[in-house]
Amino acid sequence: MFSDEYFMSLALELAEEAADAGEIPVGAVIVSRNRPIAKTRNQTEQLNDVTAHAELMAITAATHYLGSKYLTDCTMYVTLEPCIMCAGALYWAQLGRLVIGAPDEKRGYSRVGPSLLHPKTRIETGVLADESQALLLNFFRRLRT
């Protein structure tokens, strides 16, 4: 019924909203039982808060929705590989599954290693990676011109 591509496309729509608002285009969706329970985007500029990453905001929204601090039965779809800060939060939330669009070779958690995520977190990479990467490249290209 719903696929990884479907949920990642929702995250991409949020990333496009972020870009339109002048934010680095990252979107995140958390799904529980095949239903989105949190849909967020980067808001660091809007909120003047360096911690207002899409992933952290999604964790907060999902835990409030579930009434639990753990996301063991949830999947997060995020358009860009999480940074070290977000990976740490995902570790503590004990996220069940992480689906990543584009890699982040400069600031992604994988530069340090997958051990930043909870040992039970399953990881999928490359879902709609080309679309995610193109959105990021176009955003930064516009900033430079």
C-alpha atoms as a PDB file:
ATOM      1  CA  MET A   1       0.000   0.000   0.000  1.00  0.00           C
ATOM      2  CA  PHE A   2       2.353   2.761   1.197  1.00  0.00           C
ATOM      3  CA  SER A   3       5.989   2.429   0.229  1.00  0.00           C
ATOM      4  CA  ASP A   4       9.228   3.988   1.384  1.00  0.00           C
ATOM      5  CA  GLU A   5       9.099   6.145  -1.731  1.00  0.00           C
ATOM      6  CA  TYR A   6       5.632   7.388  -0.826  1.00  0.00           C
ATOM      7  CA  PHE A   7       6.638   8.511   2.665  1.00  0.00           C
ATOM      8  CA  MET A   8       9.938   9.959   1.416  1.00  0.00           C
ATOM      9  CA  SER A   9       7.973  11.977  -1.149  1.00  0.00           C
ATOM     10  CA  LEU A  10       6.060  13.521   1.780  1.00  0.00           C
ATOM     11  CA  ALA A  11       9.405  14.407   3.382  1.00  0.00           C
ATOM     12  CA  LEU A  12      10.551  15.924   0.076  1.00  0.00           C
ATOM     13  CA  GLU A  13       7.463  18.149  -0.034  1.00  0.00           C
ATOM     14  CA  LEU A  14       8.377  19.410   3.440  1.00  0.00           C
ATOM     15  CA  ALA A  15      11.966  19.972   2.319  1.00  0.00           C
ATOM     16  CA  GLU A  16      10.666  22.070  -0.583  1.00  0.00           C
ATOM     17  CA  GLU A  17       8.626  24.132   1.903  1.00  0.00           C
ATOM     18  CA  ALA A  18      11.793  24.644   3.930  1.00  0.00           C
ATOM     19  CA  ALA A  19      13.680  25.838   0.851  1.00  0.00           C
ATOM     20  CA  ASP A  20      10.868  28.246  -0.021  1.00  0.00           C
ATOM     21  CA  ALA A  21      11.166  29.659   3.513  1.00  0.00           C
ATOM     22  CA  GLY A  22      14.931  30.135   3.165  1.00  0.00           C
ATOM     23  CA  GLU A  23      15.797  27.099   5.279  1.00  0.00           C
ATOM     24  CA  ILE A  24      18.188  24.334   4.317  1.00  0.00           C
ATOM     25  CA  PRO A  25      15.806  21.951   2.544  1.00  0.00           C
ATOM     26  CA  VAL A  26      15.415  19.017   4.889  1.00  0.00           C
ATOM     27  CA  GLY A  27      12.112  17.349   5.634  1.00  0.00           C
ATOM     28  CA  ALA A  28      11.297  14.521   8.024  1.00  0.00           C
ATOM     29  CA  VAL A  29       8.271  12.278   8.457  1.00  0.00           C
ATOM     30  CA  ILE A  30       7.775   9.755  11.246  1.00  0.00           C
ATOM     31  CA  VAL A  31       5.437   6.875  10.531  1.00  0.00           C
ATOM     32  CA  SER A  32       3.792   4.505  12.993  1.00  0.00           C
ATOM     33  CA  ARG A  33       1.625   1.630  11.812  1.00  0.00           C
ATOM     34  CA  ASN A  34       1.711   2.924   8.240  1.00  0.00           C
ATOM     35  CA  ARG A  35       0.407   6.343   9.320  1.00  0.00           C
ATOM     36  CA  PRO A  36       2.383   9.607   9.434  1.00  0.00           C
ATOM     37  CA  ILE A  37       2.387  10.886  13.021  1.00  0.00           C
ATOM     38  CA  ALA A  38       4.910  13.712  12.581  1.00  0.00           C
ATOM     39  CA  LYS A  39       5.709  15.846   9.536  1.00  0.00           C
ATOM     40  CA  THR A  40       8.340  18.552   9.962  1.00  0.00           C
ATOM     41  CA  ARG A  41      10.980  20.567   8.179  1.00  0.00           C
ATOM     42  CA  ASN A  42      14.050  22.539   9.131  1.00  0.00           C
ATOM     43  CA  GLN A  43      13.146  25.766  10.967  1.00  0.00           C
ATOM     44  CA  THR A  44      16.502  27.004  12.272  1.00  0.00           C
ATOM     45  CA  GLU A  45      16.199  30.397  10.558  1.00  0.00           C
ATOM     46  CA  GLN A  46      12.516  30.889  11.314  1.00  0.00           C
ATOM     47  CA  LEU A  47      12.915  30.052  15.002  1.00  0.00           C
ATOM     48  CA  ASN A  48      16.459  31.451  15.330  1.00  0.00           C
ATOM     49  CA  ASP A  49      17.367  28.119  16.920  1.00  0.00           C
ATOM     50  CA  VAL A  50      20.305  25.998  15.774  1.00  0.00           C
ATOM     51  CA  THR A  51      18.599  22.883  17.172  1.00  0.00           C
ATOM     52  CA  ALA A  52      15.415  23.293  15.104  1.00  0.00           C
ATOM     53  CA  HIS A  53      16.400  20.523  12.697  1.00  0.00           C
ATOM     54  CA  ALA A  54      13.600  18.599  11.018  1.00  0.00           C
ATOM     55  CA  GLU A  55      14.594  15.377  12.774  1.00  0.00           C
ATOM     56  CA  LEU A  56      14.530  16.846  16.288  1.00  0.00           C
ATOM     57  CA  MET A  57      11.201  18.529  15.694  1.00  0.00           C
ATOM     58  CA  ALA A  58       9.793  15.265  14.313  1.00  0.00           C
ATOM     59  CA  ILE A  59      10.971  13.337  17.374  1.00  0.00           C
ATOM     60  CA  THR A  60       9.239  15.840  19.659  1.00  0.00           C
ATOM     61  CA  ALA A  61       5.998  15.751  17.661  1.00  0.00           C
ATOM     62  CA  ALA A  62       5.954  11.947  17.446  1.00  0.00           C
ATOM     63  CA  THR A  63       6.682  11.379  21.138  1.00  0.00           C
ATOM     64  CA  HIS A  64       3.923  13.826  22.074  1.00  0.00           C
ATOM     65  CA  TYR A  65       1.532  12.055  19.727  1.00  0.00           C
ATOM     66  CA  LEU A  66       2.389   8.619  21.141  1.00  0.00           C
ATOM     67  CA  GLY A  67       2.708   9.728  24.744  1.00  0.00           C
ATOM     68  CA  SER A  68       6.034   7.917  24.936  1.00  0.00           C
ATOM     69  CA  LYS A  69       9.663   8.981  24.742  1.00  0.00           C
ATOM     70  CA  TYR A  70      10.557   5.920  22.670  1.00  0.00           C
ATOM     71  CA  LEU A  71       9.961   5.418  18.948  1.00  0.00           C
ATOM     72  CA  THR A  72      10.842   1.725  18.755  1.00  0.00           C
ATOM     73  CA  ASP A  73       7.954   0.889  16.425  1.00  0.00           C
ATOM     74  CA  CYS A  74       8.397   3.935  14.196  1.00  0.00           C
ATOM     75  CA  THR A  75      10.177   4.768  10.959  1.00  0.00           C
ATOM     76  CA  MET A  76      11.668   8.173  10.220  1.00  0.00           C
ATOM     77  CA  TYR A  77      11.971   9.277   6.600  1.00  0.00           C
ATOM     78  CA  VAL A  78      14.444  12.133   6.207  1.00  0.00           C
ATOM     79  CA  THR A  79      15.658  13.713   2.990  1.00  0.00           C
ATOM     80  CA  LEU A  80      19.242  14.248   4.183  1.00  0.00           C
ATOM     81  CA  GLU A  81      21.411  12.040   6.375  1.00  0.00           C
ATOM     82  CA  PRO A  82      21.063  13.244   9.979  1.00  0.00           C
ATOM     83  CA  CYS A  83      23.881  15.165  11.628  1.00  0.00           C
ATOM     84  CA  ILE A  84      25.623  13.944  14.754  1.00  0.00           C
ATOM     85  CA  MET A  85      23.251  15.919  17.014  1.00  0.00           C
ATOM     86  CA  CYS A  86      20.177  14.395  15.408  1.00  0.00           C
ATOM     87  CA  ALA A  87      21.682  10.900  15.392  1.00  0.00           C
ATOM     88  CA  GLY A  88      22.232  11.213  19.134  1.00  0.00           C
ATOM     89  CA  ALA A  89      18.597  12.163  19.649  1.00  0.00           C
ATOM     90  CA  LEU A  90      17.492   9.250  17.453  1.00  0.00           C
ATOM     91  CA  TYR A  91      19.642   6.958  19.595  1.00  0.00           C
ATOM     92  CA  TRP A  92      17.927   8.104  22.796  1.00  0.00           C
ATOM     93  CA  ALA A  93      14.492   7.828  21.164  1.00  0.00           C
ATOM     94  CA  GLN A  94      15.387   4.244  20.169  1.00  0.00           C
ATOM     95  CA  LEU A  95      14.039   4.760  16.654  1.00  0.00           C
ATOM     96  CA  GLY A  96      13.065   1.468  15.036  1.00  0.00           C
ATOM     97  CA  ARG A  97      13.972   2.321  11.461  1.00  0.00           C
ATOM     98  CA  LEU A  98      15.652   5.214   9.650  1.00  0.00           C
ATOM     99  CA  VAL A  99      15.181   5.805   5.921  1.00  0.00           C
ATOM    100  CA  ILE A 100      17.558   8.368   4.408  1.00  0.00           C
ATOM    101  CA  GLY A 101      17.359  10.164   1.078  1.00  0.00           C
ATOM    102  CA  ALA A 102      20.686  11.852   0.292  1.00  0.00           C
ATOM    103  CA  PRO A 103      23.961  11.262   2.123  1.00  0.00           C
ATOM    104  CA  ASP A 104      25.658  14.172   3.901  1.00  0.00           C
ATOM    105  CA  GLU A 105      29.360  13.705   3.326  1.00  0.00           C
ATOM    106  CA  LYS A 106      30.304  16.859   5.258  1.00  0.00           C
ATOM    107  CA  ARG A 107      28.144  16.741   8.384  1.00  0.00           C
ATOM    108  CA  GLY A 108      26.364  13.384   8.403  1.00  0.00           C
ATOM    109  CA  TYR A 109      26.526  11.040  11.361  1.00  0.00           C
ATOM    110  CA  SER A 110      28.077   8.271   9.238  1.00  0.00           C
ATOM    111  CA  ARG A 111      31.359  10.218   9.204  1.00  0.00           C
ATOM    112  CA  VAL A 112      31.669   9.078  12.828  1.00  0.00           C
ATOM    113  CA  GLY A 113      29.997   5.707  12.348  1.00  0.00           C
ATOM    114  CA  PRO A 114      26.661   3.944  12.562  1.00  0.00           C
ATOM    115  CA  SER A 115      27.239   3.390  16.284  1.00  0.00           C
ATOM    116  CA  LEU A 116      25.712   6.833  16.859  1.00  0.00           C
ATOM    117  CA  LEU A 117      22.304   5.272  16.225  1.00  0.00           C
ATOM    118  CA  HIS A 118      20.652   2.792  18.548  1.00  0.00           C
ATOM    119  CA  PRO A 119      21.926  -0.746  17.865  1.00  0.00           C
ATOM    120  CA  LYS A 120      18.396  -1.932  17.040  1.00  0.00           C
ATOM    121  CA  THR A 121      17.719   0.860  14.520  1.00  0.00           C
ATOM    122  CA  ARG A 122      17.472  -0.534  11.012  1.00  0.00           C
ATOM    123  CA  ILE A 123      18.859   1.800   8.320  1.00  0.00           C
ATOM    124  CA  GLU A 124      17.890   2.188   4.666  1.00  0.00           C
ATOM    125  CA  THR A 125      19.692   4.677   2.432  1.00  0.00           C
ATOM    126  CA  GLY A 126      19.244   6.114  -1.015  1.00  0.00           C
ATOM    127  CA  VAL A 127      15.433   6.356  -1.141  1.00  0.00           C
ATOM    128  CA  LEU A 128      14.682   9.185  -3.606  1.00  0.00           C
ATOM    129  CA  ALA A 129      18.328  10.192  -3.176  1.00  0.00           C
ATOM    130  CA  ASP A 130      18.562  11.913  -6.579  1.00  0.00           C
ATOM    131  CA  GLU A 131      15.532  14.106  -5.858  1.00  0.00           C
ATOM    132  CA  SER A 132      16.798  14.959  -2.377  1.00  0.00           C
ATOM    133  CA  GLN A 133      20.287  15.770  -3.667  1.00  0.00           C
ATOM    134  CA  ALA A 134      18.927  17.918  -6.511  1.00  0.00           C
ATOM    135  CA  LEU A 135      16.828  19.962  -4.094  1.00  0.00           C
ATOM    136  CA  LEU A 136      19.875  20.622  -1.907  1.00  0.00           C
ATOM    137  CA  LEU A 137      22.154  21.469  -4.836  1.00  0.00           C
ATOM    138  CA  ASN A 138      19.617  23.883  -6.325  1.00  0.00           C
ATOM    139  CA  PHE A 139      19.106  25.555  -2.946  1.00  0.00           C
ATOM    140  CA  PHE A 140      22.809  26.194  -2.407  1.00  0.00           C
ATOM    141  CA  ARG A 141      23.305  27.206  -6.026  1.00  0.00           C
ATOM    142  CA  ARG A 142      20.635  29.899  -5.582  1.00  0.00           C
ATOM    143  CA  LEU A 143      22.362  31.127  -2.402  1.00  0.00           C
ATOM    144  CA  ARG A 144      25.644  31.601  -4.257  1.00  0.00           C
ATOM    145  CA  THR A 145      24.133  33.647  -7.080  1.00  0.00           C
END
